[in-house]
Structure formats: structure tokens, C-alpha cells
Amino acid sequence: MVAEDAGKVVGYVFADIEGTSWMDLRGPCGVVHDIFVDDSARGQGAGRQLMRAAIDWILSRGRTQVVLLTKTNNDHAQRLFAALGFRKTMVEMTLTRTLEGEARMNEMTPFALRSGRASTSSSARRPAHSPGSSSS
């Protein structure tokens, strides 16, 4: 969906319907993936109008929940979303490290790690990987 002013596109919203997401810990819902309003049109209601249209579209497709993500410091957008009834529900935490930092973390790990199911047998207590290797 786009917002126009005098024939010029000044904003858009991209929303979709999604099923259950185990990673996001949510059931089927509508997701607002992106919204943008050009600086020239900000503060004039284009963002609110785009969001209301996206919410109406999602609800018209039988979803009762709408979710979105926003950057932590995007206060302007968060105020808009809160005014429309959105509330904070999840906290995403991000780790960014250099390879040098990864090597230091591996040196600090005192446990032997292995992939697979937990077991109470004595073999579960033996290291499955040599030091410095990693498993997921």
C-alpha cells in the first residue's frame, strides 16, 4: 500500500499474513514488515493512515493479532504504534562479536559440549569434541 500526495508517493506499508512462528513465539497473525514515510510528509498523518489501512487489511483476512518490530531507539514510530494500540511483548537481544572475541569466549568455556539428546549414561559425561571445536 502506498500514500500519495499530489500524485507523488510519499510513503508505503508492507504487511502480510503469516502462520505460526516458533522462533517468534507467536501463532498465526498479520505482520507489518515495513513502513516508511518521506520526510516531506511526516507529521501529516500519512503513517497513521498507512498503519490503519494495513491493520484493516490484516483483520479482513481473519487474523486477530498484528505484530511488528521496531528499532529500540525509534521513539517516533513507537509512539505511533502505541497510539494505535500496540504494546511491547518481546525483547530481542543481539550479540555481535569479532572472530577474536569468539576465540576468547571458547577459551573461557569450562564445559565439554556435544550435539544430540541429553543422556544420564557415563558416555554423556565424556567430551564429544576436542577443545576449540564448536557444535550447535
N, C-alpha and C. Protein backbone atom coordinates (compact mmCIF):
# COMPACT_ATOMS: atom_id res chain seq x y z
N MET A 1 0.83 -1.16 0.00
CA MET A 1 0.00 0.00 0.00
C MET A 1 0.89 1.24 0.00
N VAL A 2 0.49 2.26 -0.71
CA VAL A 2 1.26 3.49 -0.74
C VAL A 2 0.40 4.69 -0.36
N ALA A 3 1.05 5.72 0.13
CA ALA A 3 0.39 7.00 0.39
C ALA A 3 0.91 7.98 -0.65
N GLU A 4 -0.01 8.73 -1.25
CA GLU A 4 0.37 9.69 -2.28
C GLU A 4 -0.05 11.09 -1.86
N ASP A 5 0.71 12.06 -2.32
CA ASP A 5 0.38 13.47 -2.14
C ASP A 5 0.62 14.14 -3.47
N ALA A 6 -0.44 14.64 -4.08
CA ALA A 6 -0.37 15.28 -5.40
C ALA A 6 0.29 14.37 -6.43
N GLY A 7 -0.06 13.09 -6.39
CA GLY A 7 0.45 12.13 -7.36
C GLY A 7 1.84 11.59 -7.07
N LYS A 8 2.46 12.07 -6.01
CA LYS A 8 3.81 11.61 -5.64
C LYS A 8 3.70 10.65 -4.46
N VAL A 9 4.36 9.49 -4.58
CA VAL A 9 4.38 8.53 -3.47
C VAL A 9 5.22 9.11 -2.34
N VAL A 10 4.61 9.23 -1.16
CA VAL A 10 5.31 9.79 -0.01
C VAL A 10 5.46 8.78 1.13
N GLY A 11 4.94 7.58 0.93
CA GLY A 11 5.08 6.55 1.96
C GLY A 11 4.52 5.23 1.50
N TYR A 12 4.87 4.19 2.24
CA TYR A 12 4.34 2.85 1.94
C TYR A 12 4.30 2.03 3.21
N VAL A 13 3.51 0.98 3.17
CA VAL A 13 3.50 -0.03 4.23
C VAL A 13 3.46 -1.39 3.55
N PHE A 14 4.24 -2.33 4.07
CA PHE A 14 4.26 -3.70 3.58
C PHE A 14 3.83 -4.60 4.71
N ALA A 15 2.72 -5.30 4.53
CA ALA A 15 2.18 -6.20 5.54
C ALA A 15 1.82 -7.53 4.88
N ASP A 16 1.76 -8.58 5.69
CA ASP A 16 1.45 -9.90 5.17
C ASP A 16 0.76 -10.72 6.26
N ILE A 17 0.22 -11.84 5.84
CA ILE A 17 -0.40 -12.81 6.74
C ILE A 17 0.60 -13.96 6.91
N GLU A 18 0.83 -14.37 8.15
CA GLU A 18 1.77 -15.45 8.40
C GLU A 18 1.17 -16.48 9.34
N GLY A 19 1.70 -17.69 9.25
CA GLY A 19 1.28 -18.77 10.13
C GLY A 19 2.06 -18.72 11.44
N THR A 20 1.97 -19.80 12.18
CA THR A 20 2.69 -19.91 13.45
C THR A 20 4.18 -19.78 13.23
N SER A 21 4.85 -19.06 14.11
CA SER A 21 6.30 -18.93 14.07
C SER A 21 6.85 -19.34 15.43
N TRP A 22 7.49 -20.49 15.47
CA TRP A 22 8.06 -20.96 16.74
C TRP A 22 9.23 -20.07 17.15
N MET A 23 9.99 -19.56 16.19
CA MET A 23 11.10 -18.68 16.54
C MET A 23 10.60 -17.38 17.18
N ASP A 24 9.53 -16.84 16.65
CA ASP A 24 8.98 -15.59 17.17
C ASP A 24 8.00 -15.82 18.33
N LEU A 25 7.74 -17.09 18.68
CA LEU A 25 6.85 -17.46 19.78
C LEU A 25 5.46 -16.85 19.62
N ARG A 26 4.87 -17.03 18.43
CA ARG A 26 3.54 -16.49 18.19
C ARG A 26 2.76 -17.40 17.25
N GLY A 27 1.46 -17.27 17.35
CA GLY A 27 0.58 -18.02 16.47
C GLY A 27 0.34 -17.26 15.17
N PRO A 28 -0.61 -17.75 14.38
CA PRO A 28 -0.93 -17.09 13.10
C PRO A 28 -1.34 -15.64 13.34
N CYS A 29 -0.85 -14.75 12.49
CA CYS A 29 -1.13 -13.33 12.69
C CYS A 29 -0.84 -12.55 11.41
N GLY A 30 -1.09 -11.28 11.47
CA GLY A 30 -0.66 -10.37 10.43
C GLY A 30 0.61 -9.71 10.89
N VAL A 31 1.52 -9.45 9.96
CA VAL A 31 2.80 -8.84 10.30
C VAL A 31 3.00 -7.59 9.45
N VAL A 32 3.30 -6.48 10.10
CA VAL A 32 3.70 -5.27 9.39
C VAL A 32 5.22 -5.35 9.30
N HIS A 33 5.71 -5.64 8.10
CA HIS A 33 7.14 -5.81 7.89
C HIS A 33 7.88 -4.48 7.76
N ASP A 34 7.24 -3.51 7.15
CA ASP A 34 7.94 -2.24 6.91
C ASP A 34 6.94 -1.12 6.69
N ILE A 35 7.27 0.03 7.20
CA ILE A 35 6.51 1.25 6.93
C ILE A 35 7.51 2.38 6.78
N PHE A 36 7.25 3.23 5.82
CA PHE A 36 8.13 4.37 5.57
C PHE A 36 7.29 5.56 5.14
N VAL A 37 7.64 6.73 5.67
CA VAL A 37 7.03 7.99 5.24
C VAL A 37 8.17 8.97 4.96
N ASP A 38 8.13 9.57 3.78
CA ASP A 38 9.13 10.55 3.38
C ASP A 38 9.13 11.73 4.35
N ASP A 39 10.30 12.29 4.58
CA ASP A 39 10.43 13.44 5.48
C ASP A 39 9.44 14.56 5.13
N SER A 40 9.19 14.76 3.84
CA SER A 40 8.30 15.85 3.40
C SER A 40 6.86 15.63 3.84
N ALA A 41 6.50 14.41 4.19
CA ALA A 41 5.11 14.11 4.56
C ALA A 41 4.95 13.74 6.03
N ARG A 42 6.02 13.75 6.77
CA ARG A 42 5.93 13.35 8.18
C ARG A 42 5.16 14.38 9.00
N GLY A 43 4.45 13.87 10.00
CA GLY A 43 3.67 14.75 10.88
C GLY A 43 2.35 15.17 10.30
N GLN A 44 1.96 14.60 9.15
CA GLN A 44 0.70 14.97 8.50
C GLN A 44 -0.31 13.83 8.51
N GLY A 45 0.02 12.72 9.17
CA GLY A 45 -0.94 11.62 9.30
C GLY A 45 -0.78 10.49 8.30
N ALA A 46 0.21 10.57 7.42
CA ALA A 46 0.38 9.51 6.42
C ALA A 46 0.71 8.17 7.07
N GLY A 47 1.61 8.18 8.07
CA GLY A 47 1.98 6.94 8.75
C GLY A 47 0.80 6.31 9.46
N ARG A 48 0.02 7.13 10.15
CA ARG A 48 -1.17 6.63 10.85
C ARG A 48 -2.17 6.05 9.85
N GLN A 49 -2.36 6.73 8.74
CA GLN A 49 -3.30 6.26 7.71
C GLN A 49 -2.83 4.94 7.10
N LEU A 50 -1.53 4.84 6.82
CA LEU A 50 -0.98 3.60 6.27
C LEU A 50 -1.13 2.46 7.26
N MET A 51 -0.83 2.72 8.53
CA MET A 51 -0.95 1.66 9.55
C MET A 51 -2.39 1.22 9.71
N ARG A 52 -3.31 2.15 9.75
CA ARG A 52 -4.74 1.77 9.88
C ARG A 52 -5.18 0.93 8.69
N ALA A 53 -4.72 1.29 7.51
CA ALA A 53 -5.09 0.51 6.31
C ALA A 53 -4.50 -0.89 6.39
N ALA A 54 -3.25 -1.02 6.85
CA ALA A 54 -2.62 -2.34 6.98
C ALA A 54 -3.35 -3.18 8.02
N ILE A 55 -3.69 -2.57 9.15
CA ILE A 55 -4.42 -3.29 10.20
C ILE A 55 -5.78 -3.75 9.68
N ASP A 56 -6.51 -2.86 9.01
CA ASP A 56 -7.81 -3.24 8.44
C ASP A 56 -7.67 -4.38 7.45
N TRP A 57 -6.64 -4.34 6.61
CA TRP A 57 -6.41 -5.40 5.62
C TRP A 57 -6.15 -6.73 6.33
N ILE A 58 -5.31 -6.71 7.37
CA ILE A 58 -5.00 -7.94 8.11
C ILE A 58 -6.26 -8.49 8.79
N LEU A 59 -7.02 -7.63 9.45
CA LEU A 59 -8.24 -8.08 10.12
C LEU A 59 -9.26 -8.63 9.12
N SER A 60 -9.31 -8.05 7.93
CA SER A 60 -10.26 -8.52 6.91
C SER A 60 -9.92 -9.91 6.40
N ARG A 61 -8.72 -10.37 6.68
CA ARG A 61 -8.30 -11.71 6.28
C ARG A 61 -8.38 -12.70 7.44
N GLY A 62 -9.11 -12.34 8.48
CA GLY A 62 -9.40 -13.26 9.56
C GLY A 62 -8.37 -13.34 10.68
N ARG A 63 -7.35 -12.53 10.64
CA ARG A 63 -6.36 -12.53 11.72
C ARG A 63 -6.81 -11.54 12.79
N THR A 64 -6.57 -11.88 14.04
CA THR A 64 -6.96 -11.00 15.13
C THR A 64 -5.75 -10.39 15.82
N GLN A 65 -4.56 -10.79 15.42
CA GLN A 65 -3.34 -10.25 16.01
C GLN A 65 -2.47 -9.65 14.92
N VAL A 66 -1.90 -8.48 15.20
CA VAL A 66 -0.98 -7.81 14.29
C VAL A 66 0.31 -7.57 15.06
N VAL A 67 1.44 -7.97 14.48
CA VAL A 67 2.73 -7.76 15.14
C VAL A 67 3.66 -6.99 14.23
N LEU A 68 4.63 -6.33 14.84
CA LEU A 68 5.66 -5.61 14.09
C LEU A 68 6.89 -5.48 14.97
N LEU A 69 7.99 -5.14 14.37
CA LEU A 69 9.24 -4.88 15.08
C LEU A 69 9.66 -3.45 14.81
N THR A 70 10.33 -2.87 15.77
CA THR A 70 10.86 -1.52 15.60
C THR A 70 12.20 -1.42 16.32
N LYS A 71 13.07 -0.59 15.81
CA LYS A 71 14.36 -0.38 16.45
C LYS A 71 14.14 0.20 17.86
N THR A 72 15.00 -0.16 18.76
CA THR A 72 14.89 0.27 20.15
C THR A 72 14.76 1.78 20.29
N ASN A 73 15.54 2.54 19.55
CA ASN A 73 15.55 3.99 19.70
C ASN A 73 14.63 4.74 18.75
N ASN A 74 13.74 4.03 18.07
CA ASN A 74 12.83 4.69 17.13
C ASN A 74 11.59 5.17 17.89
N ASP A 75 11.79 6.17 18.73
CA ASP A 75 10.73 6.66 19.61
C ASP A 75 9.52 7.18 18.85
N HIS A 76 9.76 7.88 17.73
CA HIS A 76 8.65 8.44 16.96
C HIS A 76 7.70 7.33 16.47
N ALA A 77 8.28 6.28 15.89
CA ALA A 77 7.45 5.17 15.41
C ALA A 77 6.77 4.45 16.58
N GLN A 78 7.48 4.27 17.67
CA GLN A 78 6.90 3.58 18.81
C GLN A 78 5.71 4.34 19.40
N ARG A 79 5.79 5.67 19.39
CA ARG A 79 4.66 6.47 19.85
C ARG A 79 3.45 6.28 18.93
N LEU A 80 3.71 6.24 17.62
CA LEU A 80 2.62 6.00 16.66
C LEU A 80 1.99 4.63 16.91
N PHE A 81 2.83 3.60 17.03
CA PHE A 81 2.31 2.24 17.22
C PHE A 81 1.52 2.13 18.53
N ALA A 82 2.03 2.73 19.60
CA ALA A 82 1.32 2.70 20.88
C ALA A 82 -0.02 3.42 20.78
N ALA A 83 -0.06 4.54 20.07
CA ALA A 83 -1.31 5.28 19.89
C ALA A 83 -2.34 4.46 19.13
N LEU A 84 -1.87 3.53 18.30
CA LEU A 84 -2.77 2.65 17.55
C LEU A 84 -3.16 1.40 18.34
N GLY A 85 -2.61 1.26 19.56
CA GLY A 85 -2.98 0.13 20.41
C GLY A 85 -1.93 -0.96 20.54
N PHE A 86 -0.79 -0.82 19.89
CA PHE A 86 0.27 -1.83 20.02
C PHE A 86 0.90 -1.72 21.40
N ARG A 87 1.40 -2.86 21.90
CA ARG A 87 2.09 -2.90 23.17
C ARG A 87 3.36 -3.73 23.02
N LYS A 88 4.33 -3.48 23.86
CA LYS A 88 5.58 -4.25 23.82
C LYS A 88 5.30 -5.65 24.35
N THR A 89 5.80 -6.66 23.61
CA THR A 89 5.57 -8.04 24.04
C THR A 89 6.84 -8.88 24.08
N MET A 90 7.84 -8.55 23.30
CA MET A 90 9.06 -9.35 23.23
C MET A 90 10.27 -8.42 23.31
N VAL A 91 11.37 -8.98 23.74
CA VAL A 91 12.64 -8.26 23.74
C VAL A 91 13.61 -9.09 22.91
N GLU A 92 14.12 -8.51 21.84
CA GLU A 92 15.13 -9.19 21.03
C GLU A 92 16.49 -8.75 21.54
N MET A 93 17.38 -9.72 21.69
CA MET A 93 18.74 -9.41 22.14
C MET A 93 19.70 -9.87 21.06
N THR A 94 20.67 -9.03 20.73
CA THR A 94 21.59 -9.30 19.64
C THR A 94 23.01 -9.33 20.17
N LEU A 95 23.80 -10.27 19.70
CA LEU A 95 25.21 -10.36 20.03
C LEU A 95 26.01 -10.22 18.75
N THR A 96 26.94 -9.30 18.74
CA THR A 96 27.84 -9.12 17.60
C THR A 96 29.26 -9.17 18.15
N ARG A 97 30.07 -10.09 17.62
CA ARG A 97 31.44 -10.24 18.09
C ARG A 97 32.37 -10.41 16.90
N THR A 98 33.61 -10.08 17.12
CA THR A 98 34.64 -10.34 16.12
C THR A 98 35.10 -11.78 16.29
N LEU A 99 35.82 -12.31 15.32
CA LEU A 99 36.36 -13.67 15.44
C LEU A 99 37.31 -13.76 16.63
N GLU A 100 38.06 -12.69 16.90
CA GLU A 100 38.95 -12.66 18.05
C GLU A 100 38.15 -12.83 19.35
N GLY A 101 37.02 -12.16 19.44
CA GLY A 101 36.14 -12.28 20.60
C GLY A 101 35.59 -13.68 20.73
N GLU A 102 35.29 -14.33 19.61
CA GLU A 102 34.78 -15.71 19.62
C GLU A 102 35.83 -16.64 20.19
N ALA A 103 37.08 -16.46 19.79
CA ALA A 103 38.15 -17.31 20.29
C ALA A 103 38.29 -17.15 21.80
N ARG A 104 38.20 -15.91 22.30
CA ARG A 104 38.29 -15.69 23.75
C ARG A 104 37.14 -16.36 24.47
N MET A 105 35.92 -16.33 23.92
CA MET A 105 34.76 -16.97 24.55
C MET A 105 34.97 -18.48 24.63
N ASN A 106 35.53 -19.08 23.57
CA ASN A 106 35.78 -20.52 23.58
C ASN A 106 36.80 -20.90 24.63
N GLU A 107 37.80 -20.05 24.87
CA GLU A 107 38.81 -20.32 25.89
C GLU A 107 38.19 -20.30 27.28
N MET A 108 37.15 -19.50 27.49
CA MET A 108 36.55 -19.35 28.81
C MET A 108 35.54 -20.45 29.13
N THR A 109 35.15 -21.29 28.17
CA THR A 109 34.12 -22.29 28.38
C THR A 109 34.72 -23.53 29.05
N PRO A 110 34.35 -23.84 30.30
CA PRO A 110 34.92 -24.97 31.00
C PRO A 110 34.20 -26.29 30.74
N PHE A 111 33.15 -26.28 29.96
CA PHE A 111 32.34 -27.48 29.77
C PHE A 111 32.62 -28.14 28.43
N ALA A 112 32.50 -29.46 28.38
CA ALA A 112 32.56 -30.19 27.12
C ALA A 112 31.15 -30.16 26.54
N LEU A 113 31.03 -29.77 25.30
CA LEU A 113 29.73 -29.67 24.66
C LEU A 113 29.61 -30.71 23.57
N ARG A 114 28.39 -31.20 23.36
CA ARG A 114 28.14 -32.14 22.29
C ARG A 114 26.73 -31.93 21.77
N SER A 115 26.51 -32.33 20.55
CA SER A 115 25.18 -32.24 19.95
C SER A 115 24.38 -33.47 20.34
N GLY A 116 23.08 -33.37 20.24
CA GLY A 116 22.23 -34.54 20.47
C GLY A 116 21.45 -34.44 21.75
N ARG A 117 20.76 -35.52 22.08
CA ARG A 117 19.88 -35.57 23.23
C ARG A 117 20.69 -35.74 24.52
N ALA A 118 20.15 -35.21 25.59
CA ALA A 118 20.79 -35.37 26.89
C ALA A 118 20.67 -36.82 27.33
N SER A 119 21.69 -37.29 28.03
CA SER A 119 21.70 -38.67 28.49
C SER A 119 22.27 -38.71 29.89
N THR A 120 21.85 -39.70 30.66
CA THR A 120 22.39 -39.85 32.02
C THR A 120 23.47 -40.92 32.07
N SER A 121 23.80 -41.51 30.93
CA SER A 121 24.83 -42.54 30.92
C SER A 121 26.21 -41.93 31.11
N SER A 122 27.19 -42.76 31.44
CA SER A 122 28.55 -42.26 31.66
C SER A 122 29.15 -41.69 30.39
N SER A 123 28.71 -42.15 29.22
CA SER A 123 29.24 -41.61 27.97
C SER A 123 28.85 -40.15 27.77
N ALA A 124 27.77 -39.73 28.42
CA ALA A 124 27.33 -38.34 28.29
C ALA A 124 28.28 -37.39 28.99
N ARG A 125 29.08 -37.91 29.91
CA ARG A 125 29.98 -37.05 30.66
C ARG A 125 31.33 -36.90 29.99
N ARG A 126 31.63 -37.71 28.97
CA ARG A 126 32.89 -37.60 28.25
C ARG A 126 32.78 -36.53 27.18
N PRO A 127 33.84 -35.76 26.95
CA PRO A 127 33.80 -34.73 25.90
C PRO A 127 33.55 -35.36 24.54
N ALA A 128 32.64 -34.77 23.79
CA ALA A 128 32.32 -35.27 22.45
C ALA A 128 33.17 -34.58 21.40
N HIS A 129 33.75 -33.43 21.73
CA HIS A 129 34.53 -32.65 20.77
C HIS A 129 35.84 -32.23 21.43
N SER A 130 36.85 -32.06 20.62
CA SER A 130 38.12 -31.61 21.15
C SER A 130 38.05 -30.13 21.49
N PRO A 131 38.90 -29.63 22.40
CA PRO A 131 38.88 -28.21 22.74
C PRO A 131 39.05 -27.34 21.49
N GLY A 132 38.30 -26.26 21.50
CA GLY A 132 38.37 -25.32 20.38
C GLY A 132 37.37 -25.61 19.29
N SER A 133 36.79 -26.81 19.28
CA SER A 133 35.78 -27.09 18.26
C SER A 133 34.45 -26.55 18.75
N SER A 134 33.52 -26.41 17.85
CA SER A 134 32.21 -25.92 18.26
C SER A 134 31.14 -26.85 17.74
N SER A 135 30.01 -26.80 18.37
CA SER A 135 28.84 -27.58 17.92
C SER A 135 27.62 -26.73 18.11
N SER A 136 26.58 -27.10 17.41
CA SER A 136 25.35 -26.34 17.54
C SER A 136 24.23 -27.21 18.05
